[in-house]
């Protein structure tokens, strides 16, 4: 399966309102051969086009169409490249949309699992454990022959 990504500039911020490349074909062809890749291609075909606003009056559109292997050869030969906007197709393939300088990719949201508050029994068990930890050293000191006065002063 082959997809053709075609660049156009529907919003032109130039002095004469025209894009100098409007007469040329700016296209990239990608092949999708695995089942996973074909599923991704189907998602892209369902959207048909992707838009990016440069924020300065210019806007780019990337159209997606399915083509045959014969058409893929013809398009690759006729294309004038992608005007340096290959990153748009890379973003579409990776994220299903166009992220770039005026529309940065959002940072992933970090989630955390909240632990339930301890029960009364768990709190008591913790206190008992802490008390045992503080008592045991005294018992060990007694076992080694230290006096009560020495233990209290330690």
N, C-alpha and C. Protein backbone atom coordinates (compact mmCIF):
# COMPACT_ATOMS: atom_id res chain seq x y z
N UNK A 1 0.85 -1.17 0.00
CA UNK A 1 0.00 0.00 0.00
C UNK A 1 0.90 1.24 0.00
N UNK A 2 0.58 2.19 -0.84
CA UNK A 2 1.34 3.43 -0.94
C UNK A 2 0.45 4.62 -0.63
N UNK A 3 0.99 5.56 0.13
CA UNK A 3 0.28 6.81 0.39
C UNK A 3 1.09 7.96 -0.19
N UNK A 4 0.37 8.88 -0.81
CA UNK A 4 0.99 10.10 -1.33
C UNK A 4 0.62 11.24 -0.40
N UNK A 5 1.64 11.96 0.07
CA UNK A 5 1.46 13.15 0.91
C UNK A 5 1.75 14.35 0.01
N UNK A 6 0.76 15.20 -0.19
CA UNK A 6 0.90 16.33 -1.11
C UNK A 6 0.82 17.65 -0.33
N UNK A 7 1.81 18.50 -0.54
CA UNK A 7 1.89 19.79 0.13
C UNK A 7 1.20 20.87 -0.68
N UNK A 8 0.39 21.69 -0.01
CA UNK A 8 -0.19 22.88 -0.62
C UNK A 8 -0.19 24.00 0.42
N UNK A 9 -0.35 25.21 -0.05
CA UNK A 9 -0.38 26.38 0.84
C UNK A 9 -1.70 27.12 0.63
N UNK A 10 -2.76 26.67 1.32
CA UNK A 10 -4.06 27.32 1.13
C UNK A 10 -4.14 28.72 1.71
N UNK A 11 -3.34 29.03 2.72
CA UNK A 11 -3.30 30.38 3.28
C UNK A 11 -1.94 30.97 2.96
N UNK A 12 -1.96 32.02 2.17
CA UNK A 12 -0.71 32.62 1.70
C UNK A 12 -0.60 34.03 2.24
N UNK A 13 0.49 34.29 2.95
CA UNK A 13 0.70 35.61 3.54
C UNK A 13 1.63 36.48 2.73
N UNK A 14 1.78 36.21 1.45
CA UNK A 14 2.70 37.01 0.62
C UNK A 14 2.04 38.31 0.18
N UNK A 15 2.85 39.22 -0.34
CA UNK A 15 2.36 40.54 -0.74
C UNK A 15 1.31 40.46 -1.84
N UNK A 16 1.42 39.43 -2.72
CA UNK A 16 0.45 39.33 -3.81
C UNK A 16 -0.59 38.23 -3.58
N UNK A 17 -0.54 37.59 -2.40
CA UNK A 17 -1.51 36.56 -2.07
C UNK A 17 -1.32 35.26 -2.83
N UNK A 18 -0.14 35.07 -3.42
CA UNK A 18 0.11 33.85 -4.19
C UNK A 18 1.34 33.13 -3.67
N UNK A 19 1.33 31.83 -3.83
CA UNK A 19 2.48 31.01 -3.48
C UNK A 19 3.23 30.70 -4.77
N UNK A 20 4.50 30.99 -4.78
CA UNK A 20 5.28 30.81 -6.00
C UNK A 20 5.38 29.35 -6.43
N UNK A 21 5.14 28.42 -5.52
CA UNK A 21 5.24 27.01 -5.86
C UNK A 21 3.92 26.35 -6.21
N UNK A 22 2.87 27.14 -6.38
CA UNK A 22 1.54 26.55 -6.60
C UNK A 22 1.43 25.72 -7.87
N UNK A 23 2.29 25.97 -8.85
CA UNK A 23 2.22 25.23 -10.12
C UNK A 23 2.98 23.90 -10.08
N UNK A 24 3.77 23.68 -9.02
CA UNK A 24 4.60 22.48 -8.93
C UNK A 24 3.95 21.42 -8.04
N UNK A 25 4.39 20.18 -8.24
CA UNK A 25 3.95 19.07 -7.39
C UNK A 25 4.98 18.89 -6.29
N UNK A 26 4.53 19.05 -5.06
CA UNK A 26 5.38 18.79 -3.89
C UNK A 26 4.76 17.60 -3.17
N UNK A 27 5.37 16.45 -3.33
CA UNK A 27 4.78 15.23 -2.78
C UNK A 27 5.85 14.27 -2.29
N UNK A 28 5.48 13.51 -1.28
CA UNK A 28 6.30 12.41 -0.76
C UNK A 28 5.45 11.15 -0.83
N UNK A 29 6.10 10.02 -1.09
CA UNK A 29 5.40 8.74 -1.15
C UNK A 29 5.98 7.84 -0.07
N UNK A 30 5.09 7.21 0.69
CA UNK A 30 5.51 6.25 1.72
C UNK A 30 4.81 4.93 1.45
N UNK A 31 5.56 3.85 1.70
CA UNK A 31 5.04 2.50 1.53
C UNK A 31 4.64 1.94 2.90
N UNK A 32 3.52 1.24 2.93
CA UNK A 32 3.02 0.61 4.16
C UNK A 32 2.79 -0.86 3.85
N UNK A 33 3.60 -1.74 4.46
CA UNK A 33 3.50 -3.16 4.09
C UNK A 33 3.02 -4.08 5.21
N UNK A 34 3.33 -3.77 6.46
CA UNK A 34 2.89 -4.65 7.55
C UNK A 34 1.44 -4.35 7.91
N UNK A 35 0.82 -5.28 8.63
CA UNK A 35 -0.57 -5.08 9.06
C UNK A 35 -0.69 -3.84 9.94
N UNK A 36 0.28 -3.67 10.85
CA UNK A 36 0.26 -2.51 11.74
C UNK A 36 0.39 -1.21 10.93
N UNK A 37 1.29 -1.22 9.95
CA UNK A 37 1.50 -0.03 9.12
C UNK A 37 0.26 0.26 8.28
N UNK A 38 -0.38 -0.79 7.77
CA UNK A 38 -1.59 -0.59 6.97
C UNK A 38 -2.74 -0.03 7.82
N UNK A 39 -2.79 -0.44 9.07
CA UNK A 39 -3.81 0.11 9.98
C UNK A 39 -3.56 1.60 10.19
N UNK A 40 -2.30 1.98 10.36
CA UNK A 40 -1.93 3.40 10.52
C UNK A 40 -2.29 4.17 9.25
N UNK A 41 -2.00 3.58 8.08
CA UNK A 41 -2.32 4.22 6.81
C UNK A 41 -3.82 4.44 6.68
N UNK A 42 -4.61 3.47 7.12
CA UNK A 42 -6.07 3.61 7.06
C UNK A 42 -6.55 4.78 7.93
N UNK A 43 -5.93 4.96 9.10
CA UNK A 43 -6.27 6.10 9.98
C UNK A 43 -5.97 7.42 9.28
N UNK A 44 -4.82 7.49 8.62
CA UNK A 44 -4.43 8.72 7.93
C UNK A 44 -5.35 9.01 6.75
N UNK A 45 -5.71 7.95 6.02
CA UNK A 45 -6.62 8.13 4.88
C UNK A 45 -7.99 8.61 5.33
N UNK A 46 -8.41 8.17 6.51
CA UNK A 46 -9.72 8.60 7.02
C UNK A 46 -9.74 10.11 7.29
N UNK A 47 -8.60 10.66 7.69
CA UNK A 47 -8.53 12.11 7.96
C UNK A 47 -8.38 12.91 6.67
N UNK A 48 -7.73 12.34 5.67
CA UNK A 48 -7.55 12.91 4.32
C UNK A 48 -6.61 14.10 4.23
N UNK A 49 -6.65 15.02 5.18
CA UNK A 49 -5.73 16.16 5.10
C UNK A 49 -5.40 16.68 6.50
N UNK A 50 -4.25 17.34 6.57
CA UNK A 50 -3.75 17.86 7.83
C UNK A 50 -3.32 19.30 7.59
N UNK A 51 -3.66 20.18 8.52
CA UNK A 51 -3.38 21.61 8.35
C UNK A 51 -2.40 22.08 9.41
N UNK A 52 -1.54 23.02 9.02
CA UNK A 52 -0.60 23.63 9.96
C UNK A 52 -0.59 25.13 9.75
N UNK A 53 -0.80 25.89 10.82
CA UNK A 53 -0.79 27.35 10.78
C UNK A 53 0.57 27.84 11.25
N UNK A 54 1.27 28.56 10.40
CA UNK A 54 2.59 29.09 10.76
C UNK A 54 2.51 30.31 11.67
N UNK A 55 1.34 30.89 11.81
CA UNK A 55 1.17 32.02 12.72
C UNK A 55 1.53 33.37 12.12
N UNK A 56 1.87 33.39 10.84
CA UNK A 56 2.27 34.65 10.20
C UNK A 56 1.46 34.93 8.94
N UNK A 57 0.29 34.31 8.86
CA UNK A 57 -0.55 34.49 7.67
C UNK A 57 -0.44 33.32 6.70
N UNK A 58 0.57 32.50 6.89
CA UNK A 58 0.76 31.34 6.03
C UNK A 58 0.20 30.09 6.71
N UNK A 59 -0.31 29.20 5.91
CA UNK A 59 -0.81 27.92 6.41
C UNK A 59 -0.55 26.84 5.38
N UNK A 60 -0.13 25.68 5.84
CA UNK A 60 0.16 24.56 4.94
C UNK A 60 -0.87 23.46 5.14
N UNK A 61 -1.16 22.78 4.05
CA UNK A 61 -2.04 21.62 4.11
C UNK A 61 -1.30 20.44 3.50
N UNK A 62 -1.42 19.29 4.14
CA UNK A 62 -0.83 18.07 3.62
C UNK A 62 -1.97 17.10 3.36
N UNK A 63 -2.22 16.84 2.07
CA UNK A 63 -3.27 15.91 1.68
C UNK A 63 -2.72 14.49 1.59
N UNK A 64 -3.55 13.52 1.95
CA UNK A 64 -3.13 12.11 1.92
C UNK A 64 -4.06 11.34 1.00
N UNK A 65 -3.48 10.62 0.02
CA UNK A 65 -4.25 9.78 -0.88
C UNK A 65 -3.54 8.46 -1.07
N UNK A 66 -4.31 7.41 -1.32
CA UNK A 66 -3.72 6.10 -1.63
C UNK A 66 -3.44 6.03 -3.12
N UNK A 67 -2.27 5.49 -3.46
CA UNK A 67 -1.89 5.37 -4.87
C UNK A 67 -1.32 3.97 -5.11
N UNK A 68 -1.22 3.61 -6.39
CA UNK A 68 -0.65 2.32 -6.78
C UNK A 68 0.87 2.43 -6.86
N UNK A 69 1.54 1.30 -7.02
CA UNK A 69 3.00 1.32 -7.14
C UNK A 69 3.42 2.05 -8.42
N UNK A 70 2.65 1.93 -9.49
CA UNK A 70 2.96 2.64 -10.74
C UNK A 70 2.84 4.15 -10.53
N UNK A 71 1.76 4.55 -9.85
CA UNK A 71 1.58 5.98 -9.55
C UNK A 71 2.68 6.48 -8.62
N UNK A 72 3.11 5.63 -7.68
CA UNK A 72 4.17 6.01 -6.75
C UNK A 72 5.46 6.35 -7.51
N UNK A 73 5.80 5.53 -8.49
CA UNK A 73 7.01 5.82 -9.30
C UNK A 73 6.86 7.15 -10.04
N UNK A 74 5.68 7.38 -10.64
CA UNK A 74 5.44 8.61 -11.38
C UNK A 74 5.51 9.84 -10.47
N UNK A 75 4.90 9.74 -9.29
CA UNK A 75 4.88 10.87 -8.34
C UNK A 75 6.30 11.16 -7.85
N UNK A 76 7.06 10.12 -7.50
CA UNK A 76 8.44 10.33 -7.04
C UNK A 76 9.27 11.03 -8.10
N UNK A 77 9.04 10.70 -9.34
CA UNK A 77 9.80 11.31 -10.44
C UNK A 77 9.37 12.76 -10.68
N UNK A 78 8.08 13.03 -10.59
CA UNK A 78 7.55 14.37 -10.91
C UNK A 78 7.67 15.36 -9.75
N UNK A 79 7.80 14.87 -8.53
CA UNK A 79 7.79 15.75 -7.36
C UNK A 79 9.02 16.64 -7.31
N UNK A 80 8.81 17.85 -6.86
CA UNK A 80 9.90 18.82 -6.64
C UNK A 80 10.40 18.77 -5.20
N UNK A 81 10.12 17.69 -4.50
CA UNK A 81 10.50 17.58 -3.09
C UNK A 81 9.34 17.95 -2.20
N UNK A 82 9.65 18.49 -1.04
CA UNK A 82 8.59 18.87 -0.10
C UNK A 82 8.90 20.23 0.53
N UNK A 83 9.68 21.04 -0.15
CA UNK A 83 10.00 22.42 0.27
C UNK A 83 10.60 22.48 1.68
N UNK A 84 11.29 21.44 2.11
CA UNK A 84 11.88 21.44 3.45
C UNK A 84 10.89 21.14 4.56
N UNK A 85 9.66 20.78 4.20
CA UNK A 85 8.63 20.51 5.20
C UNK A 85 8.42 19.01 5.44
N UNK A 86 9.42 18.19 5.17
CA UNK A 86 9.34 16.75 5.41
C UNK A 86 8.96 16.47 6.86
N UNK A 87 9.35 17.36 7.78
CA UNK A 87 9.03 17.18 9.19
C UNK A 87 7.52 17.11 9.42
N UNK A 88 6.75 17.73 8.54
CA UNK A 88 5.29 17.65 8.69
C UNK A 88 4.81 16.22 8.48
N UNK A 89 5.33 15.57 7.46
CA UNK A 89 4.94 14.18 7.19
C UNK A 89 5.45 13.28 8.31
N UNK A 90 6.67 13.54 8.79
CA UNK A 90 7.20 12.76 9.92
C UNK A 90 6.27 12.88 11.13
N UNK A 91 5.79 14.08 11.39
CA UNK A 91 4.89 14.32 12.52
C UNK A 91 3.55 13.62 12.30
N UNK A 92 3.04 13.68 11.09
CA UNK A 92 1.77 13.00 10.78
C UNK A 92 1.91 11.50 11.00
N UNK A 93 3.02 10.92 10.53
CA UNK A 93 3.23 9.48 10.68
C UNK A 93 3.40 9.09 12.15
N UNK A 94 4.11 9.92 12.91
CA UNK A 94 4.37 9.60 14.32
C UNK A 94 3.19 9.89 15.24
N UNK A 95 2.49 11.03 14.97
CA UNK A 95 1.50 11.51 15.93
C UNK A 95 0.08 11.62 15.40
N UNK A 96 -0.10 11.46 14.10
CA UNK A 96 -1.43 11.59 13.52
C UNK A 96 -1.89 13.03 13.37
N UNK A 97 -0.97 13.98 13.54
CA UNK A 97 -1.25 15.40 13.37
C UNK A 97 0.09 16.11 13.12
N UNK A 98 0.04 17.40 12.82
CA UNK A 98 1.29 18.14 12.57
C UNK A 98 1.63 18.98 13.79
N UNK A 99 2.77 18.65 14.40
CA UNK A 99 3.33 19.48 15.46
C UNK A 99 4.55 20.19 14.90
N UNK A 100 4.80 21.40 15.35
CA UNK A 100 5.95 22.16 14.86
C UNK A 100 6.21 23.37 15.73
N UNK A 101 6.98 24.31 15.20
CA UNK A 101 7.37 25.48 16.00
C UNK A 101 6.21 26.29 16.58
N UNK A 102 5.12 26.46 15.83
CA UNK A 102 4.00 27.24 16.36
C UNK A 102 2.95 26.37 17.04
N UNK A 103 3.14 25.07 16.99
CA UNK A 103 2.24 24.13 17.66
C UNK A 103 3.07 22.97 18.22
N UNK A 104 3.74 23.22 19.35
CA UNK A 104 4.62 22.18 19.91
C UNK A 104 3.84 20.97 20.41
N UNK A 105 4.50 19.84 20.36
CA UNK A 105 3.91 18.61 20.85
C UNK A 105 3.76 18.72 22.37
N UNK A 106 2.56 18.42 22.89
CA UNK A 106 2.38 18.53 24.34
C UNK A 106 3.22 17.51 25.10
N UNK A 107 3.66 17.90 26.26
CA UNK A 107 4.42 16.99 27.12
C UNK A 107 3.47 15.91 27.62
N UNK A 108 3.96 14.68 27.73
CA UNK A 108 3.08 13.63 28.26
C UNK A 108 2.70 13.93 29.71
N UNK A 109 1.48 13.62 30.04
CA UNK A 109 0.97 13.86 31.39
C UNK A 109 1.47 12.74 32.30
N UNK A 110 2.09 13.12 33.39
CA UNK A 110 2.57 12.14 34.35
C UNK A 110 1.43 11.81 35.30
N UNK A 111 1.17 10.54 35.45
CA UNK A 111 0.12 10.13 36.38
C UNK A 111 0.77 9.44 37.56
N UNK A 112 0.10 9.49 38.67
CA UNK A 112 0.61 8.81 39.85
C UNK A 112 -0.53 8.07 40.52
N UNK A 113 -0.19 6.98 41.13
CA UNK A 113 -1.17 6.17 41.82
C UNK A 113 -1.21 6.59 43.28
N UNK A 114 -2.38 6.93 43.74
CA UNK A 114 -2.52 7.32 45.13
C UNK A 114 -2.74 6.08 45.98
N UNK A 115 -2.01 6.01 47.07
CA UNK A 115 -2.15 4.90 47.98
C UNK A 115 -3.25 5.25 48.98
N UNK A 116 -4.05 4.25 49.30
CA UNK A 116 -5.12 4.46 50.27
C UNK A 116 -4.53 4.76 51.64
N UNK A 117 -5.23 5.53 52.42
CA UNK A 117 -4.79 5.83 53.78
C UNK A 117 -4.71 4.54 54.59
N UNK A 118 -3.72 4.45 55.47
CA UNK A 118 -3.61 3.22 56.27
C UNK A 118 -4.80 3.06 57.21
N UNK A 119 -5.13 1.80 57.47
CA UNK A 119 -6.23 1.52 58.41
C UNK A 119 -5.72 1.71 59.84
N UNK A 120 -6.63 1.68 60.78
CA UNK A 120 -6.27 1.83 62.20
C UNK A 120 -5.31 0.71 62.61
N UNK A 121 -5.59 -0.52 62.16
CA UNK A 121 -4.74 -1.66 62.52
C UNK A 121 -3.33 -1.49 61.95
N UNK A 122 -3.24 -0.97 60.71
CA UNK A 122 -1.91 -0.76 60.10
C UNK A 122 -1.14 0.31 60.86
N UNK A 123 -1.85 1.37 61.29
CA UNK A 123 -1.19 2.42 62.08
C UNK A 123 -0.67 1.86 63.40
N UNK A 124 -1.49 1.06 64.07
CA UNK A 124 -1.09 0.47 65.35
C UNK A 124 0.10 -0.47 65.16
N UNK A 125 0.08 -1.26 64.10
CA UNK A 125 1.19 -2.18 63.83
C UNK A 125 2.48 -1.39 63.61
N UNK A 126 2.38 -0.27 62.91
CA UNK A 126 3.56 0.57 62.68
C UNK A 126 4.10 1.15 63.98
N UNK A 127 3.20 1.61 64.84
CA UNK A 127 3.63 2.16 66.14
C UNK A 127 4.28 1.09 67.01
N UNK A 128 3.69 -0.09 67.02
CA UNK A 128 4.27 -1.19 67.80
C UNK A 128 5.66 -1.51 67.29
N UNK A 129 5.81 -1.53 65.97
CA UNK A 129 7.12 -1.82 65.37
C UNK A 129 8.15 -0.77 65.79
N UNK A 130 7.75 0.51 65.72
CA UNK A 130 8.67 1.58 66.12
C UNK A 130 9.06 1.45 67.59
N UNK A 131 8.10 1.11 68.43
CA UNK A 131 8.40 0.96 69.86
C UNK A 131 9.36 -0.20 70.09
N UNK A 132 9.14 -1.30 69.38
CA UNK A 132 10.02 -2.45 69.52
C UNK A 132 11.44 -2.10 69.09
N UNK A 133 11.55 -1.30 68.04
CA UNK A 133 12.87 -0.91 67.56
C UNK A 133 13.62 -0.06 68.59
N UNK A 134 12.86 0.77 69.31
CA UNK A 134 13.52 1.61 70.30
C UNK A 134 13.80 0.85 71.60
N UNK A 135 13.05 -0.22 71.89
CA UNK A 135 13.25 -0.99 73.12
C UNK A 135 14.34 -2.03 72.95
N UNK A 136 14.41 -2.64 71.80
CA UNK A 136 15.37 -3.73 71.61
C UNK A 136 16.81 -3.35 71.90
N UNK A 137 17.27 -2.17 71.48
CA UNK A 137 18.66 -1.84 71.81
C UNK A 137 18.91 -1.82 73.32
N UNK A 138 17.93 -1.36 74.13
CA UNK A 138 18.09 -1.36 75.59
C UNK A 138 18.24 -2.78 76.11
N UNK A 139 17.41 -3.69 75.59
CA UNK A 139 17.49 -5.09 76.02
C UNK A 139 18.85 -5.69 75.64
N UNK A 140 19.34 -5.35 74.48
CA UNK A 140 20.65 -5.86 74.07
C UNK A 140 21.75 -5.33 74.99
N UNK A 141 21.61 -4.03 75.38
CA UNK A 141 22.62 -3.45 76.29
C UNK A 141 22.58 -4.17 77.64
N UNK A 142 21.38 -4.47 78.15
CA UNK A 142 21.26 -5.20 79.42
C UNK A 142 21.91 -6.58 79.30
N UNK A 143 21.65 -7.22 78.16
CA UNK A 143 22.22 -8.56 77.95
C UNK A 143 23.74 -8.53 77.96
N UNK A 144 24.32 -7.42 77.59
CA UNK A 144 25.78 -7.30 77.57
C UNK A 144 26.35 -6.77 78.90
N UNK A 145 25.47 -6.60 79.87
CA UNK A 145 25.94 -6.24 81.20
C UNK A 145 26.00 -4.75 81.51
N UNK A 146 25.41 -3.91 80.69
CA UNK A 146 25.41 -2.47 80.98
C UNK A 146 24.41 -2.19 82.11
N UNK A 147 24.74 -1.19 82.93
CA UNK A 147 23.85 -0.83 84.04
C UNK A 147 22.69 0.00 83.50
N UNK A 148 21.61 0.11 84.31
CA UNK A 148 20.44 0.90 83.94
C UNK A 148 20.83 2.37 83.74
N UNK A 149 21.74 2.86 84.54
CA UNK A 149 22.18 4.25 84.43
C UNK A 149 22.88 4.46 83.09
N UNK A 150 23.71 3.52 82.67
CA UNK A 150 24.42 3.63 81.40
C UNK A 150 23.43 3.58 80.24
N UNK A 151 22.39 2.74 80.39
CA UNK A 151 21.39 2.60 79.31
C UNK A 151 20.61 3.90 79.18
N UNK A 152 20.18 4.52 80.33
CA UNK A 152 19.42 5.77 80.27
C UNK A 152 20.25 6.89 79.69
N UNK A 153 21.52 6.93 79.91
CA UNK A 153 22.38 8.00 79.42
C UNK A 153 22.79 7.81 77.95
N UNK A 154 22.46 6.66 77.39
CA UNK A 154 22.89 6.41 76.00
C UNK A 154 21.96 7.03 75.00
